[in-house]
Amino acid sequence: MKDKNFISSALKVIEIESKAVMSLSNQIKPDFESLCSNILDIKGKLILMGIGKSGHIAQKISATLSSTGTSSFFIHPTEAAHGDLGMISKQDAILILSNSGQTKEIIEILPALKRSTTNIFTLTNNDQSTIAKAGKINLVINADEEACPLDLAPTSSTTIALVFGDALAIALLEARGFGKDDFAKSHPAGQLGKKLTTLVQDLAVMNEQTPIVNQATYLKDALLVITEKKLGVTLVSNEEKVIGIFTDGDLRRCLNNEIDLNKTPIKDVMTTNFKSIQSDALAIDAAEIMEKDKIFSLVVNSSTNGGNSMGIITMHQLLEAGII
């Protein structure tokens, strides 16, 4: 076994593949726009096909498309030849991935695919190949050099195909106006699902549990409320609405300025320019506001059952719930 510098080998692969990815930007032509427009127009699903490494890439692209608003699934060409063609309808479209454009297993079923649907798109590295010529739209992408020193194992070519798939999925996502709410519907489970489905009201302290004092309350008494509610903050009201918030930061400023806690009403030292969020907003949106403004709590507004209620959500609650 020869002595090898594994890090050197890895860095060379990364360099070759990164160059291939950068060259892909020069290969996105007007036919990419045609492909996107055609996919948006189909009434059915977008079916991905490929053999070998191209098949693995096609499966990943299909999964990304499905999760970003474009209904899609993968059919293995061999399985298609043994009955799975029945899954394809006239309203569907097929995107075939074949680096060479001469994949035997796919060529053998091309006549059957054409009978299933007229919407056949192809992605190859040779526009004169059999598979390329069979496509209603054929896109050509090519990696100048595989990272494999034997120039045998698909490496750079599969990388740019994967990047192409991501570019396609995001272009379609943006065209559809696919947003966070749409994304949440297809990702209900796991950490990602939690971030996209947990609302502010699911975590916030609301109504009677909310620390709140009248604007005329002296600091000493307000501190007792803060201590009792254990959030390190209290809202300040004028009996009609919340007009301010008092946090531990405000308390530190009072102590530094030697403010008399027994004689100072909280309205004189509260923060009036506070941030708020609606109770039916996503909790992750609350986290983004806090991180952007470098604060640790938000006032929560809620309009339910014809009345208005107030609450608080804190960074600690978001951390504890695994939102951030």
C-alpha atoms as a PDB file:
ATOM      1  CA  MET A   1       0.000   0.000   0.000  1.00  0.00           C
ATOM      2  CA  LYS A   2       1.441   3.339  -1.067  1.00  0.00           C
ATOM      3  CA  ASP A   3       1.927   6.159   1.407  1.00  0.00           C
ATOM      4  CA  LYS A   4      -0.881   8.633   0.858  1.00  0.00           C
ATOM      5  CA  ASN A   5      -1.632  12.111   2.059  1.00  0.00           C
ATOM      6  CA  PHE A   6      -5.356  11.712   2.698  1.00  0.00           C
ATOM      7  CA  ILE A   7      -5.920  15.417   3.314  1.00  0.00           C
ATOM      8  CA  SER A   8      -4.181  16.347   0.084  1.00  0.00           C
ATOM      9  CA  SER A   9      -6.322  13.866  -1.807  1.00  0.00           C
ATOM     10  CA  ALA A  10      -9.501  15.199  -0.231  1.00  0.00           C
ATOM     11  CA  LEU A  11      -8.604  18.812  -0.986  1.00  0.00           C
ATOM     12  CA  LYS A  12      -7.934  17.942  -4.614  1.00  0.00           C
ATOM     13  CA  VAL A  13     -11.372  16.358  -4.936  1.00  0.00           C
ATOM     14  CA  ILE A  14     -12.997  19.415  -3.369  1.00  0.00           C
ATOM     15  CA  GLU A  15     -11.114  21.721  -5.715  1.00  0.00           C
ATOM     16  CA  ILE A  16     -12.111  19.752  -8.827  1.00  0.00           C
ATOM     17  CA  GLU A  17     -15.750  19.492  -7.823  1.00  0.00           C
ATOM     18  CA  SER A  18     -15.988  23.147  -6.787  1.00  0.00           C
ATOM     19  CA  LYS A  19     -14.696  24.163 -10.227  1.00  0.00           C
ATOM     20  CA  ALA A  20     -17.323  21.919 -11.804  1.00  0.00           C
ATOM     21  CA  VAL A  21     -20.054  23.590  -9.762  1.00  0.00           C
ATOM     22  CA  MET A  22     -18.833  27.066 -10.697  1.00  0.00           C
ATOM     23  CA  SER A  23     -18.786  26.118 -14.374  1.00  0.00           C
ATOM     24  CA  LEU A  24     -22.426  25.033 -14.065  1.00  0.00           C
ATOM     25  CA  SER A  25     -23.506  28.674 -13.792  1.00  0.00           C
ATOM     26  CA  ASN A  26     -22.318  29.203 -17.366  1.00  0.00           C
ATOM     27  CA  GLN A  27     -24.373  26.231 -18.552  1.00  0.00           C
ATOM     28  CA  ILE A  28     -27.792  27.459 -17.403  1.00  0.00           C
ATOM     29  CA  LYS A  29     -29.376  28.509 -20.696  1.00  0.00           C
ATOM     30  CA  PRO A  30     -32.853  29.662 -21.812  1.00  0.00           C
ATOM     31  CA  ASP A  31     -33.953  26.020 -22.004  1.00  0.00           C
ATOM     32  CA  PHE A  32     -33.836  25.983 -18.184  1.00  0.00           C
ATOM     33  CA  GLU A  33     -36.556  28.628 -18.178  1.00  0.00           C
ATOM     34  CA  SER A  34     -38.541  26.537 -20.670  1.00  0.00           C
ATOM     35  CA  LEU A  35     -38.202  23.500 -18.408  1.00  0.00           C
ATOM     36  CA  CYS A  36     -39.464  25.438 -15.386  1.00  0.00           C
ATOM     37  CA  SER A  37     -42.410  26.868 -17.320  1.00  0.00           C
ATOM     38  CA  ASN A  38     -43.393  23.434 -18.615  1.00  0.00           C
ATOM     39  CA  ILE A  39     -43.200  21.888 -15.143  1.00  0.00           C
ATOM     40  CA  LEU A  40     -45.377  24.662 -13.717  1.00  0.00           C
ATOM     41  CA  ASP A  41     -47.960  23.976 -16.429  1.00  0.00           C
ATOM     42  CA  ILE A  42     -48.317  20.228 -15.862  1.00  0.00           C
ATOM     43  CA  LYS A  43     -51.466  19.081 -14.084  1.00  0.00           C
ATOM     44  CA  GLY A  44     -49.956  15.911 -12.683  1.00  0.00           C
ATOM     45  CA  LYS A  45     -46.689  14.983 -10.992  1.00  0.00           C
ATOM     46  CA  LEU A  46     -43.061  15.267 -12.068  1.00  0.00           C
ATOM     47  CA  ILE A  47     -41.513  11.806 -12.209  1.00  0.00           C
ATOM     48  CA  LEU A  48     -37.737  11.408 -11.954  1.00  0.00           C
ATOM     49  CA  MET A  49     -35.820   8.527 -13.543  1.00  0.00           C
ATOM     50  CA  GLY A  50     -32.214   7.415 -13.607  1.00  0.00           C
ATOM     51  CA  ILE A  51     -29.962   4.379 -13.327  1.00  0.00           C
ATOM     52  CA  GLY A  52     -26.961   3.877 -11.035  1.00  0.00           C
ATOM     53  CA  LYS A  53     -25.494   7.056  -9.560  1.00  0.00           C
ATOM     54  CA  SER A  54     -27.826   9.151 -11.703  1.00  0.00           C
ATOM     55  CA  GLY A  55     -30.689   7.219 -10.146  1.00  0.00           C
ATOM     56  CA  HIS A  56     -29.524   8.106  -6.637  1.00  0.00           C
ATOM     57  CA  ILE A  57     -29.266  11.766  -7.605  1.00  0.00           C
ATOM     58  CA  ALA A  58     -32.707  11.625  -9.238  1.00  0.00           C
ATOM     59  CA  GLN A  59     -34.211  10.256  -6.005  1.00  0.00           C
ATOM     60  CA  LYS A  60     -32.727  13.107  -4.002  1.00  0.00           C
ATOM     61  CA  ILE A  61     -33.922  15.727  -6.489  1.00  0.00           C
ATOM     62  CA  SER A  62     -37.407  14.212  -6.425  1.00  0.00           C
ATOM     63  CA  ALA A  63     -37.467  14.383  -2.636  1.00  0.00           C
ATOM     64  CA  THR A  64     -36.370  18.033  -2.686  1.00  0.00           C
ATOM     65  CA  LEU A  65     -39.009  18.903  -5.277  1.00  0.00           C
ATOM     66  CA  SER A  66     -41.768  17.243  -3.259  1.00  0.00           C
ATOM     67  CA  SER A  67     -40.824  19.107  -0.097  1.00  0.00           C
ATOM     68  CA  THR A  68     -40.728  22.483  -1.869  1.00  0.00           C
ATOM     69  CA  GLY A  69     -44.079  22.489  -3.635  1.00  0.00           C
ATOM     70  CA  THR A  70     -43.576  20.401  -6.771  1.00  0.00           C
ATOM     71  CA  SER A  71     -45.313  17.025  -6.449  1.00  0.00           C
ATOM     72  CA  SER A  72     -42.791  14.412  -7.502  1.00  0.00           C
ATOM     73  CA  PHE A  73     -41.718  10.805  -7.102  1.00  0.00           C
ATOM     74  CA  PHE A  74     -38.976   8.528  -8.408  1.00  0.00           C
ATOM     75  CA  ILE A  75     -39.533   5.453 -10.565  1.00  0.00           C
ATOM     76  CA  HIS A  76     -36.677   3.049 -11.244  1.00  0.00           C
ATOM     77  CA  PRO A  77     -36.528   2.337 -15.006  1.00  0.00           C
ATOM     78  CA  THR A  78     -36.222  -1.407 -14.437  1.00  0.00           C
ATOM     79  CA  GLU A  79     -39.292  -1.423 -12.209  1.00  0.00           C
ATOM     80  CA  ALA A  80     -41.055   0.741 -14.790  1.00  0.00           C
ATOM     81  CA  ALA A  81     -40.502  -2.003 -17.365  1.00  0.00           C
ATOM     82  CA  HIS A  82     -42.110  -4.489 -14.998  1.00  0.00           C
ATOM     83  CA  GLY A  83     -45.353  -2.732 -14.191  1.00  0.00           C
ATOM     84  CA  ASP A  84     -44.560   0.637 -12.616  1.00  0.00           C
ATOM     85  CA  LEU A  85     -45.328   2.396 -15.899  1.00  0.00           C
ATOM     86  CA  GLY A  86     -48.910   2.090 -14.730  1.00  0.00           C
ATOM     87  CA  MET A  87     -48.144   4.806 -12.182  1.00  0.00           C
ATOM     88  CA  ILE A  88     -47.649   7.373 -14.963  1.00  0.00           C
ATOM     89  CA  SER A  89     -50.596   9.295 -16.386  1.00  0.00           C
ATOM     90  CA  LYS A  90     -50.941  11.584 -19.408  1.00  0.00           C
ATOM     91  CA  GLN A  91     -50.939  14.587 -17.068  1.00  0.00           C
ATOM     92  CA  ASP A  92     -47.580  13.675 -15.575  1.00  0.00           C
ATOM     93  CA  ALA A  93     -44.146  14.681 -16.817  1.00  0.00           C
ATOM     94  CA  ILE A  94     -40.908  12.699 -16.721  1.00  0.00           C
ATOM     95  CA  LEU A  95     -37.428  14.091 -16.099  1.00  0.00           C
ATOM     96  CA  ILE A  96     -34.742  11.567 -17.083  1.00  0.00           C
ATOM     97  CA  LEU A  97     -31.197  11.870 -15.755  1.00  0.00           C
ATOM     98  CA  SER A  98     -28.472  10.159 -17.781  1.00  0.00           C
ATOM     99  CA  ASN A  99     -24.959  11.550 -17.924  1.00  0.00           C
ATOM    100  CA  SER A 100     -24.055   9.794 -21.162  1.00  0.00           C
ATOM    101  CA  GLY A 101     -27.552   9.882 -22.605  1.00  0.00           C
ATOM    102  CA  GLN A 102     -27.078   6.274 -23.699  1.00  0.00           C
ATOM    103  CA  THR A 103     -28.301   4.360 -20.648  1.00  0.00           C
ATOM    104  CA  LYS A 104     -29.531   1.052 -22.065  1.00  0.00           C
ATOM    105  CA  GLU A 105     -32.259   0.371 -19.505  1.00  0.00           C
ATOM    106  CA  ILE A 106     -33.851   3.738 -20.203  1.00  0.00           C
ATOM    107  CA  ILE A 107     -33.531   3.564 -23.996  1.00  0.00           C
ATOM    108  CA  GLU A 108     -35.380   0.237 -23.943  1.00  0.00           C
ATOM    109  CA  ILE A 109     -38.451   1.781 -22.313  1.00  0.00           C
ATOM    110  CA  LEU A 110     -38.488   5.103 -24.209  1.00  0.00           C
ATOM    111  CA  PRO A 111     -41.300   3.984 -26.562  1.00  0.00           C
ATOM    112  CA  ALA A 112     -43.419   2.979 -23.567  1.00  0.00           C
ATOM    113  CA  LEU A 113     -42.644   6.267 -21.777  1.00  0.00           C
ATOM    114  CA  LYS A 114     -43.748   8.240 -24.847  1.00  0.00           C
ATOM    115  CA  ARG A 115     -47.035   6.361 -24.848  1.00  0.00           C
ATOM    116  CA  SER A 116     -47.519   7.236 -21.184  1.00  0.00           C
ATOM    117  CA  THR A 117     -46.960  10.993 -21.570  1.00  0.00           C
ATOM    118  CA  THR A 118     -45.726  13.510 -24.107  1.00  0.00           C
ATOM    119  CA  ASN A 119     -44.001  15.547 -21.412  1.00  0.00           C
ATOM    120  CA  ILE A 120     -40.535  13.987 -21.364  1.00  0.00           C
ATOM    121  CA  PHE A 121     -37.582  16.134 -20.301  1.00  0.00           C
ATOM    122  CA  THR A 122     -33.966  14.993 -20.197  1.00  0.00           C
ATOM    123  CA  LEU A 123     -30.727  16.000 -18.513  1.00  0.00           C
ATOM    124  CA  THR A 124     -27.576  14.668 -20.190  1.00  0.00           C
ATOM    125  CA  ASN A 125     -24.073  15.740 -21.145  1.00  0.00           C
ATOM    126  CA  ASN A 126     -24.607  15.036 -24.858  1.00  0.00           C
ATOM    127  CA  ASP A 127     -27.392  16.640 -26.902  1.00  0.00           C
ATOM    128  CA  GLN A 128     -26.809  14.110 -29.703  1.00  0.00           C
ATOM    129  CA  SER A 129     -27.433  11.094 -27.505  1.00  0.00           C
ATOM    130  CA  THR A 130     -30.457   8.835 -27.878  1.00  0.00           C
ATOM    131  CA  ILE A 131     -32.057   9.931 -24.615  1.00  0.00           C
ATOM    132  CA  ALA A 132     -31.423  13.615 -25.307  1.00  0.00           C
ATOM    133  CA  LYS A 133     -33.170  13.389 -28.679  1.00  0.00           C
ATOM    134  CA  ALA A 134     -36.180  11.744 -27.051  1.00  0.00           C
ATOM    135  CA  GLY A 135     -36.848  14.708 -24.803  1.00  0.00           C
ATOM    136  CA  LYS A 136     -39.354  17.470 -25.416  1.00  0.00           C
ATOM    137  CA  ILE A 137     -36.735  19.614 -23.723  1.00  0.00           C
ATOM    138  CA  ASN A 138     -33.151  18.425 -23.269  1.00  0.00           C
ATOM    139  CA  LEU A 139     -30.757  20.259 -21.009  1.00  0.00           C
ATOM    140  CA  VAL A 140     -27.033  19.660 -21.275  1.00  0.00           C
ATOM    141  CA  ILE A 141     -24.647  20.014 -18.362  1.00  0.00           C
ATOM    142  CA  ASN A 142     -21.099  18.762 -18.419  1.00  0.00           C
ATOM    143  CA  ALA A 143     -18.262  18.430 -15.903  1.00  0.00           C
ATOM    144  CA  ASP A 144     -14.878  18.957 -17.537  1.00  0.00           C
ATOM    145  CA  GLU A 145     -13.184  16.562 -15.134  1.00  0.00           C
ATOM    146  CA  GLU A 146     -14.292  13.835 -12.771  1.00  0.00           C
ATOM    147  CA  ALA A 147     -12.652  13.949  -9.345  1.00  0.00           C
ATOM    148  CA  CYS A 148     -11.935  10.239  -9.641  1.00  0.00           C
ATOM    149  CA  PRO A 149      -8.266   9.902 -10.781  1.00  0.00           C
ATOM    150  CA  LEU A 150      -9.290   6.904 -12.903  1.00  0.00           C
ATOM    151  CA  ASP A 151     -11.934   9.083 -14.587  1.00  0.00           C
ATOM    152  CA  LEU A 152     -14.387   6.243 -13.986  1.00  0.00           C
ATOM    153  CA  ALA A 153     -16.439   6.872 -10.825  1.00  0.00           C
ATOM    154  CA  PRO A 154     -19.098   9.577 -11.359  1.00  0.00           C
ATOM    155  CA  THR A 155     -18.096  12.367  -8.980  1.00  0.00           C
ATOM    156  CA  SER A 156     -18.056  15.864 -10.456  1.00  0.00           C
ATOM    157  CA  SER A 157     -20.830  14.908 -12.871  1.00  0.00           C
ATOM    158  CA  THR A 158     -23.150  13.725 -10.109  1.00  0.00           C
ATOM    159  CA  THR A 159     -22.321  16.774  -7.986  1.00  0.00           C
ATOM    160  CA  ILE A 160     -23.372  19.227 -10.686  1.00  0.00           C
ATOM    161  CA  ALA A 161     -26.507  17.163 -11.378  1.00  0.00           C
ATOM    162  CA  LEU A 162     -27.406  17.455  -7.705  1.00  0.00           C
ATOM    163  CA  VAL A 163     -26.782  21.214  -7.715  1.00  0.00           C
ATOM    164  CA  PHE A 164     -28.839  21.506 -10.892  1.00  0.00           C
ATOM    165  CA  GLY A 165     -31.697  19.742  -9.114  1.00  0.00           C
ATOM    166  CA  ASP A 166     -31.505  22.146  -6.183  1.00  0.00           C
ATOM    167  CA  ALA A 167     -31.509  25.101  -8.593  1.00  0.00           C
ATOM    168  CA  LEU A 168     -34.583  23.682 -10.310  1.00  0.00           C
ATOM    169  CA  ALA A 169     -36.448  23.059  -7.061  1.00  0.00           C
ATOM    170  CA  ILE A 170     -35.772  26.539  -5.677  1.00  0.00           C
ATOM    171  CA  ALA A 171     -36.629  28.254  -8.967  1.00  0.00           C
ATOM    172  CA  LEU A 172     -39.995  26.461  -8.920  1.00  0.00           C
ATOM    173  CA  LEU A 173     -40.481  27.195  -5.209  1.00  0.00           C
ATOM    174  CA  GLU A 174     -40.053  30.917  -5.818  1.00  0.00           C
ATOM    175  CA  ALA A 175     -42.311  30.869  -8.873  1.00  0.00           C
ATOM    176  CA  ARG A 176     -45.086  29.183  -6.855  1.00  0.00           C
ATOM    177  CA  GLY A 177     -44.735  31.609  -3.941  1.00  0.00           C
ATOM    178  CA  PHE A 178     -44.165  28.596  -1.693  1.00  0.00           C
ATOM    179  CA  GLY A 179     -43.788  29.838   1.903  1.00  0.00           C
ATOM    180  CA  LYS A 180     -43.161  28.673   5.462  1.00  0.00           C
ATOM    181  CA  ASP A 181     -46.772  27.621   6.003  1.00  0.00           C
ATOM    182  CA  ASP A 182     -46.670  25.465   2.873  1.00  0.00           C
ATOM    183  CA  PHE A 183     -43.350  23.967   3.952  1.00  0.00           C
ATOM    184  CA  ALA A 184     -44.751  23.117   7.370  1.00  0.00           C
ATOM    185  CA  LYS A 185     -47.577  21.057   5.838  1.00  0.00           C
ATOM    186  CA  SER A 186     -45.092  18.602   4.345  1.00  0.00           C
ATOM    187  CA  HIS A 187     -42.678  18.627   7.323  1.00  0.00           C
ATOM    188  CA  PRO A 188     -44.846  17.993  10.407  1.00  0.00           C
ATOM    189  CA  ALA A 189     -42.363  15.807  12.265  1.00  0.00           C
ATOM    190  CA  GLY A 190     -38.939  16.194  13.819  1.00  0.00           C
ATOM    191  CA  GLN A 191     -37.042  19.338  14.759  1.00  0.00           C
ATOM    192  CA  LEU A 192     -37.831  21.030  11.468  1.00  0.00           C
ATOM    193  CA  GLY A 193     -41.528  20.290  11.855  1.00  0.00           C
ATOM    194  CA  LYS A 194     -41.514  21.720  15.360  1.00  0.00           C
ATOM    195  CA  LYS A 195     -40.002  24.989  14.140  1.00  0.00           C
ATOM    196  CA  LEU A 196     -42.558  25.313  11.376  1.00  0.00           C
ATOM    197  CA  THR A 197     -45.662  24.376  13.351  1.00  0.00           C
ATOM    198  CA  THR A 198     -45.096  25.729  16.881  1.00  0.00           C
ATOM    199  CA  LEU A 199     -46.933  29.019  17.394  1.00  0.00           C
ATOM    200  CA  VAL A 200     -46.051  31.798  19.823  1.00  0.00           C
ATOM    201  CA  GLN A 201     -49.228  31.051  21.808  1.00  0.00           C
ATOM    202  CA  ASP A 202     -48.051  27.466  22.327  1.00  0.00           C
ATOM    203  CA  LEU A 203     -45.121  28.691  24.408  1.00  0.00           C
ATOM    204  CA  ALA A 204     -45.994  32.159  25.673  1.00  0.00           C
ATOM    205  CA  VAL A 205     -47.250  33.016  29.152  1.00  0.00           C
ATOM    206  CA  MET A 206     -50.709  34.482  28.584  1.00  0.00           C
ATOM    207  CA  ASN A 207     -53.623  36.065  30.476  1.00  0.00           C
ATOM    208  CA  GLU A 208     -53.659  35.585  34.272  1.00  0.00           C
ATOM    209  CA  GLN A 209     -50.186  34.053  34.269  1.00  0.00           C
ATOM    210  CA  THR A 210     -48.682  37.149  32.668  1.00  0.00           C
ATOM    211  CA  PRO A 211     -46.702  39.466  34.987  1.00  0.00           C
ATOM    212  CA  ILE A 212     -48.333  42.879  34.631  1.00  0.00           C
ATOM    213  CA  VAL A 213     -48.517  45.949  36.874  1.00  0.00           C
ATOM    214  CA  ASN A 214     -50.197  49.340  36.746  1.00  0.00           C
ATOM    215  CA  GLN A 215     -48.094  52.300  35.606  1.00  0.00           C
ATOM    216  CA  ALA A 216     -48.384  53.878  39.052  1.00  0.00           C
ATOM    217  CA  THR A 217     -46.922  50.835  40.811  1.00  0.00           C
ATOM    218  CA  TYR A 218     -43.737  51.586  42.735  1.00  0.00           C
ATOM    219  CA  LEU A 219     -40.628  49.702  41.688  1.00  0.00           C
ATOM    220  CA  LYS A 220     -40.402  47.807  44.951  1.00  0.00           C
ATOM    221  CA  ASP A 221     -43.873  46.304  44.443  1.00  0.00           C
ATOM    222  CA  ALA A 222     -43.236  45.645  40.757  1.00  0.00           C
ATOM    223  CA  LEU A 223     -40.156  43.637  41.682  1.00  0.00           C
ATOM    224  CA  LEU A 224     -42.309  41.411  43.871  1.00  0.00           C
ATOM    225  CA  VAL A 225     -44.511  40.633  40.842  1.00  0.00           C
ATOM    226  CA  ILE A 226     -41.446  39.924  38.695  1.00  0.00           C
ATOM    227  CA  THR A 227     -40.111  37.577  41.352  1.00  0.00           C
ATOM    228  CA  GLU A 228     -43.445  35.794  41.747  1.00  0.00           C
ATOM    229  CA  LYS A 229     -43.943  35.211  38.011  1.00  0.00           C
ATOM    230  CA  LYS A 230     -40.311  34.093  37.505  1.00  0.00           C
ATOM    231  CA  LEU A 231     -39.844  35.540  34.024  1.00  0.00           C
ATOM    232  CA  GLY A 232     -37.473  38.382  34.904  1.00  0.00           C
ATOM    233  CA  VAL A 233     -39.831  40.877  33.268  1.00  0.00           C
ATOM    234  CA  THR A 234     -43.198  42.566  33.725  1.00  0.00           C
ATOM    235  CA  LEU A 235     -45.594  44.395  31.453  1.00  0.00           C
ATOM    236  CA  VAL A 236     -46.826  47.846  32.435  1.00  0.00           C
ATOM    237  CA  SER A 237     -50.444  48.862  31.842  1.00  0.00           C
ATOM    238  CA  ASN A 238     -52.536  52.028  32.039  1.00  0.00           C
ATOM    239  CA  GLU A 239     -55.612  49.849  32.679  1.00  0.00           C
ATOM    240  CA  GLU A 240     -56.558  49.984  28.986  1.00  0.00           C
ATOM    241  CA  LYS A 241     -53.482  48.659  27.249  1.00  0.00           C
ATOM    242  CA  VAL A 242     -49.844  47.773  27.717  1.00  0.00           C
ATOM    243  CA  ILE A 243     -47.737  50.908  27.512  1.00  0.00           C
ATOM    244  CA  GLY A 244     -44.357  49.565  28.527  1.00  0.00           C
ATOM    245  CA  ILE A 245     -42.169  46.714  29.702  1.00  0.00           C
ATOM    246  CA  PHE A 246     -39.705  46.483  32.567  1.00  0.00           C
ATOM    247  CA  THR A 247     -36.825  44.005  32.315  1.00  0.00           C
ATOM    248  CA  ASP A 248     -33.768  43.065  34.326  1.00  0.00           C
ATOM    249  CA  GLY A 249     -31.824  45.446  32.084  1.00  0.00           C
ATOM    250  CA  ASP A 250     -34.043  48.314  33.198  1.00  0.00           C
ATOM    251  CA  LEU A 251     -33.508  47.262  36.820  1.00  0.00           C
ATOM    252  CA  ARG A 252     -29.717  47.350  36.401  1.00  0.00           C
ATOM    253  CA  ARG A 253     -29.950  50.870  35.015  1.00  0.00           C
ATOM    254  CA  CYS A 254     -32.071  51.901  38.013  1.00  0.00           C
ATOM    255  CA  LEU A 255     -29.523  50.499  40.448  1.00  0.00           C
ATOM    256  CA  ASN A 256     -26.626  52.139  38.616  1.00  0.00           C
ATOM    257  CA  ASN A 257     -28.441  55.479  38.795  1.00  0.00           C
ATOM    258  CA  GLU A 258     -29.325  54.912  42.477  1.00  0.00           C
ATOM    259  CA  ILE A 259     -33.058  55.180  41.807  1.00  0.00           C
ATOM    260  CA  ASP A 260     -35.190  54.949  44.976  1.00  0.00           C
ATOM    261  CA  LEU A 261     -37.146  51.700  44.579  1.00  0.00           C
ATOM    262  CA  ASN A 262     -39.665  52.741  47.222  1.00  0.00           C
ATOM    263  CA  LYS A 263     -40.643  56.094  45.738  1.00  0.00           C
ATOM    264  CA  THR A 264     -40.254  55.672  41.960  1.00  0.00           C
ATOM    265  CA  PRO A 265     -43.310  54.624  39.925  1.00  0.00           C
ATOM    266  CA  ILE A 266     -42.493  52.093  37.241  1.00  0.00           C
ATOM    267  CA  LYS A 267     -43.778  54.356  34.455  1.00  0.00           C
ATOM    268  CA  ASP A 268     -40.778  56.629  35.026  1.00  0.00           C
ATOM    269  CA  VAL A 269     -38.213  53.913  34.275  1.00  0.00           C
ATOM    270  CA  MET A 270     -39.990  51.413  32.017  1.00  0.00           C
ATOM    271  CA  THR A 271     -39.104  50.776  28.365  1.00  0.00           C
ATOM    272  CA  THR A 272     -41.814  52.275  26.156  1.00  0.00           C
ATOM    273  CA  ASN A 273     -40.321  51.333  22.791  1.00  0.00           C
ATOM    274  CA  PHE A 274     -40.863  47.587  23.109  1.00  0.00           C
ATOM    275  CA  LYS A 275     -41.144  44.846  20.474  1.00  0.00           C
ATOM    276  CA  SER A 276     -44.258  42.715  20.128  1.00  0.00           C
ATOM    277  CA  ILE A 277     -45.589  39.793  18.114  1.00  0.00           C
ATOM    278  CA  GLN A 278     -49.011  38.256  17.429  1.00  0.00           C
ATOM    279  CA  SER A 279     -49.880  35.092  19.328  1.00  0.00           C
ATOM    280  CA  ASP A 280     -50.675  33.183  16.114  1.00  0.00           C
ATOM    281  CA  ALA A 281     -47.235  33.889  14.598  1.00  0.00           C
ATOM    282  CA  LEU A 282     -44.663  31.111  14.396  1.00  0.00           C
ATOM    283  CA  ALA A 283     -42.399  30.792  17.416  1.00  0.00           C
ATOM    284  CA  ILE A 284     -39.380  30.759  15.089  1.00  0.00           C
ATOM    285  CA  ASP A 285     -40.400  34.256  13.956  1.00  0.00           C
ATOM    286  CA  ALA A 286     -40.242  35.408  17.566  1.00  0.00           C
ATOM    287  CA  ALA A 287     -36.740  33.957  17.811  1.00  0.00           C
ATOM    288  CA  GLU A 288     -35.663  35.843  14.697  1.00  0.00           C
ATOM    289  CA  ILE A 289     -36.936  39.148  16.109  1.00  0.00           C
ATOM    290  CA  MET A 290     -35.115  38.592  19.401  1.00  0.00           C
ATOM    291  CA  GLU A 291     -31.873  37.644  17.688  1.00  0.00           C
ATOM    292  CA  LYS A 292     -32.054  40.594  15.298  1.00  0.00           C
ATOM    293  CA  ASP A 293     -32.787  43.161  18.033  1.00  0.00           C
ATOM    294  CA  LYS A 294     -30.617  41.476  20.689  1.00  0.00           C
ATOM    295  CA  ILE A 295     -33.446  41.254  23.210  1.00  0.00           C
ATOM    296  CA  PHE A 296     -34.663  38.383  25.391  1.00  0.00           C
ATOM    297  CA  SER A 297     -38.431  38.859  25.515  1.00  0.00           C
ATOM    298  CA  LEU A 298     -41.364  39.969  23.380  1.00  0.00           C
ATOM    299  CA  VAL A 299     -44.809  41.261  24.253  1.00  0.00           C
ATOM    300  CA  VAL A 300     -47.450  38.935  22.799  1.00  0.00           C
ATOM    301  CA  ASN A 301     -50.692  40.369  21.398  1.00  0.00           C
ATOM    302  CA  SER A 302     -53.763  38.197  21.029  1.00  0.00           C
ATOM    303  CA  SER A 303     -57.197  39.055  19.635  1.00  0.00           C
ATOM    304  CA  THR A 304     -59.515  36.141  20.373  1.00  0.00           C
ATOM    305  CA  ASN A 305     -63.197  35.835  21.176  1.00  0.00           C
ATOM    306  CA  GLY A 306     -63.721  39.514  20.524  1.00  0.00           C
ATOM    307  CA  GLY A 307     -61.312  40.648  23.234  1.00  0.00           C
ATOM    308  CA  ASN A 308     -57.654  41.544  23.530  1.00  0.00           C
ATOM    309  CA  SER A 309     -55.251  39.700  25.808  1.00  0.00           C
ATOM    310  CA  MET A 310     -51.544  40.118  26.421  1.00  0.00           C
ATOM    311  CA  GLY A 311     -48.665  37.847  27.202  1.00  0.00           C
ATOM    312  CA  ILE A 312     -44.902  37.396  27.111  1.00  0.00           C
ATOM    313  CA  ILE A 313     -42.583  35.019  25.289  1.00  0.00           C
ATOM    314  CA  THR A 314     -38.932  34.790  26.293  1.00  0.00           C
ATOM    315  CA  MET A 315     -35.751  33.468  24.777  1.00  0.00           C
ATOM    316  CA  HIS A 316     -35.599  30.882  27.559  1.00  0.00           C
ATOM    317  CA  GLN A 317     -38.958  29.443  26.494  1.00  0.00           C
ATOM    318  CA  LEU A 318     -37.776  29.174  22.899  1.00  0.00           C
ATOM    319  CA  LEU A 319     -34.574  27.432  23.963  1.00  0.00           C
ATOM    320  CA  GLU A 320     -36.423  25.069  26.273  1.00  0.00           C
ATOM    321  CA  ALA A 321     -38.839  24.100  23.465  1.00  0.00           C
ATOM    322  CA  GLY A 322     -35.965  23.424  21.067  1.00  0.00           C
ATOM    323  CA  ILE A 323     -37.015  26.177  18.635  1.00  0.00           C
ATOM    324  CA  ILE A 324     -33.490  27.581  18.685  1.00  0.00           C
END
